Amino acid sequence: MHYQITPLDLNGHQFAVTLTLATKSAKQLTLKLPAWIPGSYMIRDFARNILDLHAEADGRQLPLRAVDKQTWQVDTQDASEITVSYQVYAFDLSVRSAYLDQYWGFFNNSSLCLAVAERTHEPVRLTLKLSEQCQHWRVATGIPRESGEAFLPGTFRADNYEALIDYPFLLGDLGIHEFIAGGIKHAFVTVGRNFADTERICGDLARICEHQIQLFNKQIPFDSYLFLTMVVGKGFGGLEHRNSTALLCSRRDLVSPGIRSTIDSDYRTFLSLCSHEYFHSWNIKTLKPKDFIPYRLDAEQYTRQLWFYEGVTSYFDDFVLHEAGLIDAPTYLSLVGDTLARVHRGAGVDRHTVADSSLQAWNRFYKQDENAPNAVVSYYAKGALIALCTDLLIRLKSHHKQTLAQCMAQFWTQFGATQSGTGDDSFADFLDAEYGINLKSFIERAVHTTDPLPVDELLAEFGVAVERKPSQDDNIFGGKPAAAPLPVALGAKFKASAQGLEVQVVFADEAAQSAGLSAQDRIIAVDGLQVTDSNMREVFERYQPGDVVKLHAFRRDELIELELIWQAPKRNNYLLSIDDKAKARSWLKL
């Protein structure tokens, strides 16, 4: 089976794809495109972007019939070889699908390459050809190469269809910046206008990669690695692959030469994203749930284990930055405080378990609406807190002889290197069998109930105090002290609009909900005086908790009048500080 992909119509955002294959005497072949891509648990229906699909053999058209939204059957009419041709509309500027314009292109093969359903286990070849408009473009991909020079078009190979769709392609006037980590060649590849200090970024990425390679005892599941980075004015995203990651970042996230000597929050966010996706090379790409072996990409595929695969990874993404010396202990603790704030800002954490959040990622976590904070808990964020507690418990129960990192390395050896996959209880059973550390009851309670996690108590064992303080306002909360908290809280997130303050999220059982405000309402006046984003603080500062005010707002095009009773601001800032350095040194670098 041989695919050929060509950026055909740059202005029309279309790739041309042909698939040529021997029929092996099959009377009928079934063609399918995935409905979702591994790592992003939502039905995407990539097949909706296919145009002008047809099949031919020996110069004659073959009957081709749509079976469902992503499946077609081809009657081979006894031909020994057939060619399937089509175009794919590609204008999704994300890491999940495909994008093409006159400046650059990106694609996952899950968006472009139809699978032959009866033969997904067979090896395939792929040739990338550049049209006349983009002959000067370079090409970055991790797929094994058969022909052509590095970072140029050529022919590639994959062992089977599942491997084929795990190698994204980035095309354009690429910035290619190589570095070595763990004896392995890596490259930071960029497309899109940017002003990045690539030397510094490569140095920082090398420290992250080196640390993670050491963390997993130099068990490296790839021969080389690419950070494929699309740089835009505003954007964020990452998706892991077997020897690369696809990244989308804002221009400001990439540190510029001579401008920022320290790692500010924007650049730290980018490094954390890279750290997160790189850690996935072990924790989901090779070590994965049995539920995902093999992937079934035509419909939802359920697991209760995403809290582990995303949560543990989310714990280590920032912790590795700290361990590698890129952020200090106070900065790291502020990030833990921010995670605590995000988990607890809303009633979702009291209603939804991370096991159910994992299982229901398809229709709840990935399809969040204005009520999500009241209904959904993030298996990323709460999963990271469970991982934090697990790390601290392992250290305490082993008398500081073991850490979660050390356990993960051995766990990967047993379940990841062997590709045997994990069950819901595998990690707890492994800790007990391998180290005599019994965390079964803790993990069961943390994952399958909404009981509070013992974060404060465990941090205290490591010389870290947790203090809760009011946040700046309803829109700003996290792990840093507020400069000037408002005396009252609306109990709703809002943004400026042409007609006042547009309500985005109404938190359960707080002032806005009790008054009858809803998401998308636009507050225009408080006690008869106009309120805008610019004078909001001045208006809110007139009141104290318990004061009653009249609100005027628009709901759709209707003016409504409501009575609101101000509440005291919630203590939504979680401030972590070291109060015993001797204890803290057993976990943090001081």
Protein backbone atom coordinates (compact mmCIF):
# COMPACT_ATOMS: atom_id res chain seq x y z
CA MET A 1 0.00 0.00 0.00
CA HIS A 2 1.44 3.31 -1.08
CA TYR A 3 0.10 6.76 -0.17
CA GLN A 4 1.13 9.92 -1.98
CA ILE A 5 0.38 13.29 -0.37
CA THR A 6 0.76 16.63 -2.16
CA PRO A 7 -0.07 20.16 -0.98
CA LEU A 8 -2.28 20.75 -4.02
CA ASP A 9 -4.25 23.98 -3.55
CA LEU A 10 -2.58 26.26 -1.01
CA ASN A 11 -5.12 29.05 -1.31
CA GLY A 12 -7.98 26.55 -1.13
CA HIS A 13 -6.35 24.67 1.77
CA GLN A 14 -6.42 21.26 0.10
CA PHE A 15 -4.07 18.31 0.16
CA ALA A 16 -4.28 15.77 -2.66
CA VAL A 17 -4.02 12.13 -1.58
CA THR A 18 -3.72 8.96 -3.62
CA LEU A 19 -3.60 5.41 -2.31
CA THR A 20 -2.37 2.67 -4.62
CA LEU A 21 -2.62 -0.94 -3.56
CA ALA A 22 -2.70 -4.50 -4.84
CA THR A 23 -6.11 -6.02 -4.29
CA LYS A 24 -4.80 -9.54 -3.48
CA SER A 25 -7.86 -10.90 -5.33
CA ALA A 26 -10.27 -9.24 -2.91
CA LYS A 27 -13.64 -8.56 -4.54
CA GLN A 28 -14.35 -5.65 -2.23
CA LEU A 29 -12.25 -3.36 -0.03
CA THR A 30 -13.38 -1.18 2.85
CA LEU A 31 -11.86 2.28 3.32
CA LYS A 32 -12.14 4.07 6.66
CA LEU A 33 -10.86 7.30 8.22
CA PRO A 34 -10.51 7.58 12.00
CA ALA A 35 -13.18 9.47 13.92
CA TRP A 36 -10.66 10.60 16.56
CA ILE A 37 -6.92 10.80 17.14
CA PRO A 38 -5.17 9.10 20.07
CA GLY A 39 -4.42 11.54 22.87
CA SER A 40 -7.43 13.76 22.12
CA TYR A 41 -10.55 12.05 23.41
CA MET A 42 -13.31 13.57 21.34
CA ILE A 43 -15.00 12.47 18.13
CA ARG A 44 -13.61 14.79 15.43
CA ASP A 45 -15.17 13.22 12.30
CA PHE A 46 -12.13 13.91 10.12
CA ALA A 47 -13.88 12.26 7.16
CA ARG A 48 -16.13 15.30 6.75
CA ASN A 49 -13.19 17.06 5.06
CA ILE A 50 -12.77 14.51 2.24
CA LEU A 51 -13.60 15.83 -1.23
CA ASP A 52 -14.01 14.15 -4.64
CA LEU A 53 -13.32 10.60 -3.51
CA HIS A 54 -13.10 8.09 -6.35
CA ALA A 55 -11.36 4.82 -7.24
CA GLU A 56 -10.07 3.51 -10.54
CA ALA A 57 -8.20 0.60 -12.11
CA ASP A 58 -6.80 0.20 -15.61
CA GLY A 59 -8.22 3.58 -16.59
CA ARG A 60 -11.81 2.78 -15.58
CA GLN A 61 -13.82 4.08 -12.63
CA LEU A 62 -14.70 1.54 -9.95
CA PRO A 63 -17.98 1.48 -8.01
CA LEU A 64 -17.51 3.20 -4.64
CA ARG A 65 -20.28 3.41 -2.08
CA ALA A 66 -20.48 5.30 1.24
CA VAL A 67 -21.42 2.96 4.09
CA ASP A 68 -21.52 5.50 6.92
CA LYS A 69 -20.03 8.91 7.72
CA GLN A 70 -16.43 7.64 7.59
CA THR A 71 -16.52 4.35 5.66
CA TRP A 72 -16.64 3.46 1.94
CA GLN A 73 -16.66 0.20 0.03
CA VAL A 74 -14.89 -0.24 -3.29
CA ASP A 75 -15.82 -2.99 -5.76
CA THR A 76 -12.46 -4.03 -7.28
CA GLN A 77 -14.06 -5.70 -10.35
CA ASP A 78 -11.23 -8.26 -10.34
CA ALA A 79 -8.54 -5.62 -10.88
CA SER A 80 -5.13 -6.61 -9.54
CA GLU A 81 -4.31 -3.04 -8.45
CA ILE A 82 -6.48 -0.03 -7.70
CA THR A 83 -5.86 3.66 -7.04
CA VAL A 84 -8.03 5.70 -4.69
CA SER A 85 -7.82 9.48 -5.12
CA TYR A 86 -9.30 12.39 -3.15
CA GLN A 87 -8.62 15.81 -1.69
CA VAL A 88 -8.76 16.82 1.97
CA TYR A 89 -9.79 20.29 3.09
CA ALA A 90 -7.24 21.33 5.71
CA PHE A 91 -7.86 24.53 7.64
CA ASP A 92 -7.90 23.42 11.28
CA LEU A 93 -5.15 25.38 13.03
CA SER A 94 -4.65 22.88 15.84
CA VAL A 95 -2.42 19.94 16.70
CA ARG A 96 -5.22 17.42 16.06
CA SER A 97 -5.98 17.59 12.37
CA ALA A 98 -4.53 19.25 9.26
CA TYR A 99 -3.76 22.78 8.12
CA LEU A 100 -2.53 24.26 4.84
CA ASP A 101 -2.10 27.74 3.42
CA GLN A 102 0.41 29.50 1.17
CA TYR A 103 2.88 29.86 4.05
CA TRP A 104 3.03 26.43 5.69
CA GLY A 105 1.27 23.15 6.28
CA PHE A 106 0.76 20.56 8.98
CA PHE A 107 -1.02 17.24 9.04
CA ASN A 108 -1.66 14.13 11.05
CA ASN A 109 -2.07 11.10 8.81
CA SER A 110 -5.25 10.24 10.73
CA SER A 111 -6.80 13.21 8.92
CA LEU A 112 -5.45 12.38 5.46
CA CYS A 113 -4.81 8.67 4.98
CA LEU A 114 -7.76 6.33 4.52
CA ALA A 115 -7.17 2.95 6.12
CA VAL A 116 -7.89 -0.26 4.25
CA ALA A 117 -9.93 -1.85 7.01
CA GLU A 118 -9.05 -5.43 6.12
CA ARG A 119 -5.31 -4.71 6.03
CA THR A 120 -4.41 -2.25 8.81
CA HIS A 121 -1.70 -4.64 10.04
CA GLU A 122 0.29 -4.46 6.79
CA PRO A 123 3.31 -2.17 6.27
CA VAL A 124 2.74 0.98 4.20
CA ARG A 125 4.80 3.49 2.26
CA LEU A 126 4.13 7.23 1.99
CA THR A 127 5.58 9.66 -0.52
CA LEU A 128 5.36 13.39 0.12
CA LYS A 129 5.59 15.52 -3.04
CA LEU A 130 5.72 19.31 -3.01
CA SER A 131 3.81 21.18 -5.68
CA GLU A 132 5.42 23.96 -7.70
CA GLN A 133 4.13 26.65 -5.33
CA CYS A 134 5.99 25.22 -2.36
CA GLN A 135 9.08 23.57 -3.81
CA HIS A 136 11.27 25.56 -1.41
CA TRP A 137 9.55 24.17 1.69
CA ARG A 138 11.31 21.85 4.07
CA VAL A 139 9.70 18.87 5.79
CA ALA A 140 9.95 17.68 9.39
CA THR A 141 8.57 14.33 10.51
CA GLY A 142 9.63 11.40 12.65
CA ILE A 143 8.49 8.66 10.26
CA PRO A 144 11.32 6.36 9.06
CA ARG A 145 12.67 7.52 5.73
CA GLU A 146 13.29 5.38 2.63
CA SER A 147 14.52 8.11 0.28
CA GLY A 148 15.31 11.80 0.19
CA GLU A 149 17.56 13.89 2.37
CA ALA A 150 16.73 14.86 5.94
CA PHE A 151 14.14 17.65 6.23
CA LEU A 152 13.24 17.35 2.54
CA PRO A 153 10.43 15.52 0.71
CA GLY A 154 10.85 11.83 0.05
CA THR A 155 9.38 8.42 0.62
CA PHE A 156 8.75 7.05 4.09
CA ARG A 157 7.59 3.77 5.61
CA ALA A 158 5.55 2.60 8.58
CA ASP A 159 5.05 -0.88 10.00
CA ASN A 160 1.25 -0.62 9.95
CA TYR A 161 -1.59 1.86 9.90
CA GLU A 162 -1.47 2.57 13.65
CA ALA A 163 2.20 3.52 13.28
CA LEU A 164 1.50 5.62 10.18
CA ILE A 165 -0.97 7.87 11.97
CA ASP A 166 1.50 8.46 14.82
CA TYR A 167 3.92 10.50 12.69
CA PRO A 168 2.77 14.09 12.05
CA PHE A 169 4.32 16.25 9.29
CA LEU A 170 5.28 19.94 9.45
CA LEU A 171 5.99 21.73 6.14
CA GLY A 172 7.17 25.22 5.29
CA ASP A 173 10.06 27.63 5.77
CA LEU A 174 11.09 25.74 8.85
CA GLY A 175 13.51 26.80 11.54
CA ILE A 176 15.40 23.62 12.41
CA HIS A 177 17.51 23.70 15.57
CA GLU A 178 19.12 20.44 16.67
CA PHE A 179 20.51 19.45 20.05
CA ILE A 180 21.60 16.30 21.86
CA ALA A 181 20.04 14.96 25.07
CA GLY A 182 20.74 11.53 26.52
CA GLY A 183 22.93 10.78 23.52
CA ILE A 184 19.88 11.14 21.26
CA LYS A 185 19.44 13.72 18.50
CA HIS A 186 16.54 16.10 19.13
CA ALA A 187 15.29 19.04 17.08
CA PHE A 188 13.24 22.10 17.95
CA VAL A 189 11.45 22.87 14.68
CA THR A 190 9.43 26.03 14.18
CA VAL A 191 7.13 27.42 11.53
CA GLY A 192 5.40 30.79 11.68
CA ARG A 193 6.90 34.19 12.31
CA ASN A 194 8.74 34.35 15.62
CA PHE A 195 11.62 36.03 17.41
CA ALA A 196 12.75 33.05 19.46
CA ASP A 197 16.10 32.75 21.18
CA THR A 198 16.52 29.27 19.74
CA GLU A 199 19.92 28.68 21.33
CA ARG A 200 18.52 29.28 24.79
CA ILE A 201 15.34 27.32 24.11
CA CYS A 202 17.32 24.32 22.85
CA GLY A 203 19.51 24.51 25.95
CA ASP A 204 16.49 24.52 28.25
CA LEU A 205 14.77 21.73 26.31
CA ALA A 206 17.95 19.68 26.51
CA ARG A 207 17.90 19.95 30.30
CA ILE A 208 14.26 18.83 30.40
CA CYS A 209 14.84 15.91 28.05
CA GLU A 210 18.04 14.83 29.78
CA HIS A 211 16.30 14.85 33.16
CA GLN A 212 13.39 12.75 31.95
CA ILE A 213 15.70 10.26 30.25
CA GLN A 214 17.58 9.89 33.52
CA LEU A 215 14.26 9.62 35.39
CA PHE A 216 13.39 6.55 33.31
CA ASN A 217 16.86 5.04 33.83
CA LYS A 218 17.92 5.81 30.25
CA GLN A 219 15.23 3.52 28.84
CA ILE A 220 14.49 5.57 25.72
CA PRO A 221 11.61 4.43 23.51
CA PHE A 222 12.76 6.38 20.43
CA ASP A 223 15.93 6.93 18.36
CA SER A 224 15.38 10.65 17.76
CA TYR A 225 12.79 13.26 18.72
CA LEU A 226 11.15 16.35 17.20
CA PHE A 227 9.37 19.28 18.84
CA LEU A 228 7.19 20.36 15.87
CA THR A 229 6.12 23.87 16.82
CA MET A 230 3.56 26.06 15.07
CA VAL A 231 3.97 29.66 16.24
CA VAL A 232 0.97 32.01 15.99
CA GLY A 233 -0.23 35.26 17.53
CA LYS A 234 -2.46 33.48 20.03
CA GLY A 235 -2.76 29.75 20.52
CA PHE A 236 -1.89 26.83 22.75
CA GLY A 237 -1.90 23.06 22.43
CA GLY A 238 0.15 19.91 22.33
CA LEU A 239 -0.33 16.32 21.22
CA GLU A 240 2.09 13.49 21.89
CA HIS A 241 3.40 11.04 19.29
CA ARG A 242 5.83 8.15 19.38
CA ASN A 243 8.97 10.15 18.53
CA SER A 244 7.69 13.71 18.28
CA THR A 245 5.15 16.13 19.58
CA ALA A 246 2.97 18.61 17.70
CA LEU A 247 2.86 21.97 19.48
CA LEU A 248 0.90 25.19 18.97
CA CYS A 249 2.10 28.21 20.90
CA SER A 250 1.81 31.98 21.00
CA ARG A 251 4.68 34.10 19.76
CA ARG A 252 5.13 35.60 23.23
CA ASP A 253 5.65 32.13 24.71
CA LEU A 254 9.05 31.81 23.05
CA VAL A 255 11.74 33.75 24.87
CA SER A 256 13.50 36.35 22.68
CA PRO A 257 17.23 37.09 22.63
CA GLY A 258 18.33 39.57 25.28
CA ILE A 259 14.82 40.52 26.36
CA ARG A 260 14.01 38.14 29.21
CA SER A 261 16.82 36.85 31.38
CA THR A 262 14.48 34.98 33.72
CA ILE A 263 11.84 32.41 32.89
CA ASP A 264 8.59 34.37 32.97
CA SER A 265 5.15 32.78 33.08
CA ASP A 266 4.72 32.74 29.28
CA TYR A 267 8.01 30.99 28.58
CA ARG A 268 7.53 28.69 31.57
CA THR A 269 4.15 27.69 30.13
CA PHE A 270 5.85 26.70 26.87
CA LEU A 271 8.58 24.71 28.64
CA SER A 272 5.96 22.98 30.78
CA LEU A 273 4.00 22.07 27.64
CA CYS A 274 7.14 20.57 26.08
CA SER A 275 7.91 18.72 29.31
CA HIS A 276 4.36 17.36 29.44
CA GLU A 277 4.35 16.03 25.89
CA TYR A 278 7.86 14.59 26.19
CA PHE A 279 6.89 12.69 29.36
CA HIS A 280 4.05 11.14 27.38
CA SER A 281 6.69 9.29 25.32
CA TRP A 282 6.74 6.90 28.26
CA ASN A 283 3.41 7.56 29.96
CA ILE A 284 0.70 6.84 27.32
CA LYS A 285 2.65 6.20 24.11
CA THR A 286 4.34 3.04 25.38
CA LEU A 287 2.91 2.52 28.86
CA LYS A 288 -0.85 2.66 28.23
CA PRO A 289 -4.16 1.23 29.42
CA LYS A 290 -5.11 -2.24 28.22
CA ASP A 291 -8.31 -0.50 27.16
CA PHE A 292 -6.30 1.13 24.34
CA ILE A 293 -4.59 -2.01 23.03
CA PRO A 294 -5.32 -1.85 20.20
CA TYR A 295 -6.78 1.57 19.43
CA ARG A 296 -10.22 1.43 17.84
CA LEU A 297 -10.64 4.72 16.07
CA ASP A 298 -14.10 4.52 14.56
CA ALA A 299 -15.93 5.32 17.82
CA GLU A 300 -15.32 6.28 21.45
CA GLN A 301 -12.88 4.05 23.35
CA TYR A 302 -13.33 4.21 27.11
CA THR A 303 -10.94 3.98 30.04
CA ARG A 304 -11.05 5.08 33.67
CA GLN A 305 -7.27 5.56 33.72
CA LEU A 306 -6.79 8.98 32.12
CA TRP A 307 -6.36 10.47 35.62
CA PHE A 308 -3.12 8.45 35.80
CA TYR A 309 -1.83 9.05 32.30
CA GLU A 310 -2.64 12.76 32.21
CA GLY A 311 -2.51 13.43 35.96
CA VAL A 312 0.91 11.89 36.63
CA THR A 313 2.21 13.58 33.49
CA SER A 314 0.77 16.91 34.65
CA TYR A 315 2.51 16.49 38.02
CA PHE A 316 5.87 15.82 36.43
CA ASP A 317 5.71 18.50 33.72
CA ASP A 318 6.38 21.32 36.20
CA PHE A 319 8.20 19.19 38.77
CA VAL A 320 10.78 18.28 36.12
CA LEU A 321 11.33 22.00 35.42
CA HIS A 322 12.10 22.40 39.12
CA GLU A 323 14.24 19.28 39.36
CA ALA A 324 16.19 20.34 36.26
CA GLY A 325 16.94 23.73 37.83
CA LEU A 326 14.79 25.82 35.49
CA ILE A 327 12.40 27.12 38.16
CA ASP A 328 13.05 27.60 41.86
CA ALA A 329 11.07 26.17 44.76
CA PRO A 330 8.84 29.24 45.37
CA THR A 331 7.89 29.33 41.69
CA TYR A 332 7.13 25.63 41.68
CA LEU A 333 5.02 25.90 44.83
CA SER A 334 3.01 28.74 43.28
CA LEU A 335 2.21 26.38 40.39
CA VAL A 336 1.02 23.73 42.85
CA GLY A 337 -1.12 26.44 44.47
CA ASP A 338 -2.55 27.31 41.07
CA THR A 339 -3.48 23.66 40.49
CA LEU A 340 -5.22 23.54 43.88
CA ALA A 341 -7.14 26.71 42.98
CA ARG A 342 -8.24 25.38 39.60
CA VAL A 343 -9.43 22.10 41.07
CA HIS A 344 -11.44 23.73 43.85
CA ARG A 345 -12.94 26.75 42.01
CA GLY A 346 -16.35 25.23 41.45
CA ALA A 347 -18.55 22.45 42.71
CA GLY A 348 -17.37 19.95 40.09
CA VAL A 349 -14.71 18.54 42.41
CA ASP A 350 -17.46 17.61 44.90
CA ARG A 351 -19.70 16.01 42.29
CA HIS A 352 -17.41 14.19 39.86
CA THR A 353 -14.70 11.59 40.43
CA VAL A 354 -11.55 11.50 38.31
CA ALA A 355 -12.39 7.92 37.31
CA ASP A 356 -15.73 9.09 35.90
CA SER A 357 -14.09 12.18 34.42
CA SER A 358 -11.70 9.86 32.57
CA LEU A 359 -14.49 7.61 31.35
CA GLN A 360 -16.67 10.54 30.30
CA ALA A 361 -13.91 12.62 28.70
CA TRP A 362 -15.65 12.24 25.34
CA ASN A 363 -18.82 14.12 26.22
CA ARG A 364 -17.92 16.05 29.38
CA PHE A 365 -14.27 17.04 29.73
CA TYR A 366 -13.75 17.66 26.00
CA LYS A 367 -17.15 19.34 25.56
CA GLN A 368 -17.16 21.77 28.43
CA ASP A 369 -19.77 24.49 28.59
CA GLU A 370 -20.50 27.38 30.96
CA ASN A 371 -21.60 24.95 33.69
CA ALA A 372 -18.44 22.81 33.57
CA PRO A 373 -16.87 24.20 36.79
CA ASN A 374 -20.04 23.16 38.64
CA ALA A 375 -20.23 19.69 37.08
CA VAL A 376 -16.83 18.41 35.94
CA VAL A 377 -13.51 17.75 37.63
CA SER A 378 -10.34 17.85 35.51
CA TYR A 379 -8.52 14.53 35.47
CA TYR A 380 -5.46 16.56 34.47
CA ALA A 381 -5.50 18.92 37.45
CA LYS A 382 -6.94 16.67 40.17
CA GLY A 383 -4.92 13.81 38.72
CA ALA A 384 -1.80 15.93 39.25
CA LEU A 385 -2.78 16.46 42.89
CA ILE A 386 -3.30 12.71 43.32
CA ALA A 387 0.17 12.17 41.83
CA LEU A 388 1.61 14.78 44.22
CA CYS A 389 0.04 13.00 47.21
CA THR A 390 1.24 9.65 45.87
CA ASP A 391 4.81 10.93 45.55
CA LEU A 392 4.81 12.30 49.09
CA LEU A 393 3.23 9.14 50.51
CA ILE A 394 5.79 6.93 48.75
CA ARG A 395 8.60 9.04 50.21
CA LEU A 396 7.14 8.86 53.71
CA LYS A 397 6.26 5.16 53.67
CA SER A 398 9.67 4.19 52.27
CA HIS A 399 11.50 6.44 54.76
CA HIS A 400 12.65 8.56 51.80
CA LYS A 401 14.24 5.63 49.98
CA GLN A 402 11.78 5.70 47.08
CA THR A 403 10.06 8.37 45.01
CA LEU A 404 7.24 8.33 42.50
CA ALA A 405 9.81 8.95 39.76
CA GLN A 406 11.76 5.84 40.70
CA CYS A 407 8.57 3.81 40.84
CA MET A 408 7.47 5.11 37.44
CA ALA A 409 10.75 3.98 35.87
CA GLN A 410 10.30 0.44 37.16
CA PHE A 411 6.59 0.45 36.36
CA TRP A 412 7.44 1.41 32.78
CA THR A 413 9.96 -1.42 32.54
CA GLN A 414 7.32 -3.92 33.59
CA PHE A 415 4.28 -2.63 31.71
CA GLY A 416 5.51 -0.12 29.10
CA ALA A 417 8.58 -1.75 27.60
CA THR A 418 6.59 -4.97 27.29
CA GLN A 419 3.56 -3.18 25.80
CA SER A 420 1.37 -5.30 28.09
CA GLY A 421 -0.88 -2.44 29.18
CA THR A 422 -2.33 -1.56 32.57
CA GLY A 423 -5.58 -2.26 34.35
CA ASP A 424 -7.36 0.06 36.75
CA ASP A 425 -5.48 -1.34 39.77
CA SER A 426 -2.11 -2.07 38.16
CA PHE A 427 -0.16 0.77 39.73
CA ALA A 428 -1.44 0.20 43.27
CA ASP A 429 -0.79 -3.53 42.96
CA PHE A 430 2.68 -2.84 41.57
CA LEU A 431 3.63 -0.56 44.49
CA ASP A 432 2.54 -3.20 46.96
CA ALA A 433 4.26 -6.11 45.20
CA GLU A 434 7.48 -4.33 44.23
CA TYR A 435 8.13 -2.07 47.21
CA GLY A 436 5.76 -3.19 49.95
CA ILE A 437 4.09 0.22 49.82
CA ASN A 438 0.35 -0.19 50.26
CA LEU A 439 -1.51 2.79 48.78
CA LYS A 440 -4.53 0.84 47.55
CA SER A 441 -7.03 2.44 49.92
CA PHE A 442 -5.67 5.93 49.26
CA ILE A 443 -5.77 5.53 45.48
CA GLU A 444 -9.22 3.94 45.59
CA ARG A 445 -10.58 6.83 47.65
CA ALA A 446 -8.78 9.51 45.60
CA VAL A 447 -9.86 8.13 42.24
CA HIS A 448 -13.33 6.72 42.87
CA THR A 449 -14.78 9.14 45.44
CA THR A 450 -15.02 12.91 45.85
CA ASP A 451 -13.46 12.83 49.31
CA PRO A 452 -10.94 15.65 49.84
CA LEU A 453 -7.30 14.81 49.16
CA PRO A 454 -4.86 15.11 52.10
CA VAL A 455 -2.74 17.69 50.27
CA ASP A 456 -2.33 20.12 53.17
CA GLU A 457 -1.41 17.40 55.66
CA LEU A 458 1.13 15.77 53.36
CA LEU A 459 2.74 19.07 52.38
CA ALA A 460 3.09 19.87 56.08
CA GLU A 461 5.12 16.66 56.46
CA PHE A 462 7.54 18.17 53.93
CA GLY A 463 7.80 21.58 55.56
CA VAL A 464 5.33 23.34 53.27
CA ALA A 465 2.40 25.35 54.64
CA VAL A 466 -0.79 26.02 52.70
CA GLU A 467 -2.71 29.23 53.33
CA ARG A 468 -5.95 30.18 51.62
CA LYS A 469 -6.57 33.86 50.87
CA PRO A 470 -9.17 35.83 48.92
CA SER A 471 -8.41 36.20 45.23
CA GLN A 472 -8.17 39.47 43.36
CA ASP A 473 -11.66 39.08 41.89
CA ASP A 474 -13.87 36.38 40.40
CA ASN A 475 -11.74 36.18 37.26
CA ILE A 476 -8.32 35.89 38.89
CA PHE A 477 -7.39 33.10 41.26
CA GLY A 478 -4.45 30.77 41.63
CA GLY A 479 -1.24 30.36 43.60
CA LYS A 480 -0.07 33.95 44.07
CA PRO A 481 -1.13 36.60 46.60
CA ALA A 482 -3.69 39.12 45.38
CA ALA A 483 -2.56 42.75 45.33
CA ALA A 484 -5.93 44.26 46.29
CA PRO A 485 -8.81 41.81 46.73
CA LEU A 486 -12.30 43.20 46.23
CA PRO A 487 -14.47 43.40 49.38
CA VAL A 488 -17.31 41.50 47.69
CA ALA A 489 -17.67 38.74 45.14
CA LEU A 490 -20.13 38.38 42.28
CA GLY A 491 -19.65 34.62 42.16
CA ALA A 492 -19.32 34.60 38.39
CA LYS A 493 -16.58 34.92 35.79
CA PHE A 494 -17.15 37.77 33.38
CA LYS A 495 -15.53 39.70 30.56
CA ALA A 496 -15.90 43.17 29.11
CA SER A 497 -18.43 43.63 26.32
CA ALA A 498 -19.87 46.57 24.39
CA GLN A 499 -22.79 46.52 26.82
CA GLY A 500 -21.12 46.13 30.20
CA LEU A 501 -19.92 42.90 31.79
CA GLU A 502 -20.78 39.68 29.98
CA VAL A 503 -21.20 36.78 32.39
CA GLN A 504 -19.31 33.66 31.30
CA VAL A 505 -19.57 31.22 34.20
CA VAL A 506 -21.97 31.31 37.14
CA PHE A 507 -20.66 29.37 40.13
CA ALA A 508 -23.10 27.17 42.02
CA ASP A 509 -24.62 28.57 45.23
CA GLU A 510 -22.87 31.93 45.01
CA ALA A 511 -24.25 35.47 44.73
CA ALA A 512 -24.83 35.61 40.98
CA GLN A 513 -26.72 32.32 40.84
CA SER A 514 -28.84 33.20 43.88
CA ALA A 515 -29.77 36.47 42.18
CA GLY A 516 -30.81 34.66 39.00
CA LEU A 517 -27.96 35.68 36.69
CA SER A 518 -27.09 33.27 33.87
CA ALA A 519 -24.17 32.80 31.53
CA GLN A 520 -24.30 35.22 28.54
CA ASP A 521 -26.22 37.83 30.57
CA ARG A 522 -24.72 41.32 30.16
CA ILE A 523 -24.71 43.38 33.36
CA ILE A 524 -25.11 47.06 32.48
CA ALA A 525 -25.88 48.74 35.82
CA VAL A 526 -25.59 48.27 39.59
CA ASP A 527 -28.01 50.36 41.68
CA GLY A 528 -28.83 52.46 38.65
CA LEU A 529 -25.22 53.30 37.75
CA GLN A 530 -23.51 51.99 34.64
CA VAL A 531 -20.89 49.32 35.17
CA THR A 532 -18.12 48.58 32.69
CA ASP A 533 -14.83 46.75 32.73
CA SER A 534 -12.99 50.01 33.38
CA ASN A 535 -15.05 51.07 36.43
CA MET A 536 -15.98 47.61 37.77
CA ARG A 537 -13.59 47.80 40.72
CA GLU A 538 -14.82 51.26 41.66
CA VAL A 539 -18.44 50.05 41.64
CA PHE A 540 -17.80 46.82 43.56
CA GLU A 541 -15.67 48.57 46.20
CA ARG A 542 -18.74 50.56 47.38
CA TYR A 543 -20.26 47.49 48.99
CA GLN A 544 -19.77 45.01 51.81
CA PRO A 545 -20.94 41.40 52.14
CA GLY A 546 -24.67 41.30 52.86
CA ASP A 547 -25.45 44.55 51.02
CA VAL A 548 -28.39 44.29 48.62
CA VAL A 549 -28.25 45.91 45.17
CA LYS A 550 -30.41 46.16 42.07
CA LEU A 551 -28.82 44.78 38.92
CA HIS A 552 -29.92 45.60 35.41
CA ALA A 553 -28.80 43.25 32.69
CA PHE A 554 -29.65 42.14 29.19
CA ARG A 555 -30.56 38.51 28.61
CA ARG A 556 -30.51 38.12 24.87
CA ASP A 557 -32.33 41.35 23.86
CA GLU A 558 -34.50 41.62 26.97
CA LEU A 559 -33.73 43.97 29.87
CA ILE A 560 -34.06 42.25 33.23
CA GLU A 561 -33.92 43.58 36.80
CA LEU A 562 -32.54 41.39 39.59
CA GLU A 563 -31.78 41.72 43.27
CA LEU A 564 -28.32 40.59 44.32
CA ILE A 565 -26.97 40.07 47.81
CA TRP A 566 -23.20 40.51 47.83
CA GLN A 567 -21.17 37.71 49.35
CA ALA A 568 -17.71 37.76 50.88
CA PRO A 569 -14.99 36.77 48.42
CA LYS A 570 -14.04 33.11 48.45
CA ARG A 571 -10.57 32.14 49.59
CA ASN A 572 -9.61 30.96 46.13
CA ASN A 573 -5.89 31.69 46.29
CA TYR A 574 -3.76 28.85 47.60
CA LEU A 575 -0.47 30.22 48.87
CA LEU A 576 2.25 27.65 49.54
CA SER A 577 5.37 28.56 51.50
CA ILE A 578 8.27 26.71 53.09
CA ASP A 579 8.24 26.85 56.87
CA ASP A 580 10.73 24.04 57.55
CA LYS A 581 13.66 23.96 55.15
CA ALA A 582 15.10 20.75 56.56
CA LYS A 583 11.89 18.85 55.80
CA ALA A 584 11.41 20.57 52.45
CA ARG A 585 14.84 19.47 51.23
CA SER A 586 13.64 15.88 51.17
CA TRP A 587 11.31 16.84 48.30
CA LEU A 588 12.41 20.18 46.85
CA LYS A 589 15.68 21.69 45.68
CA LEU A 590 16.45 24.73 47.85
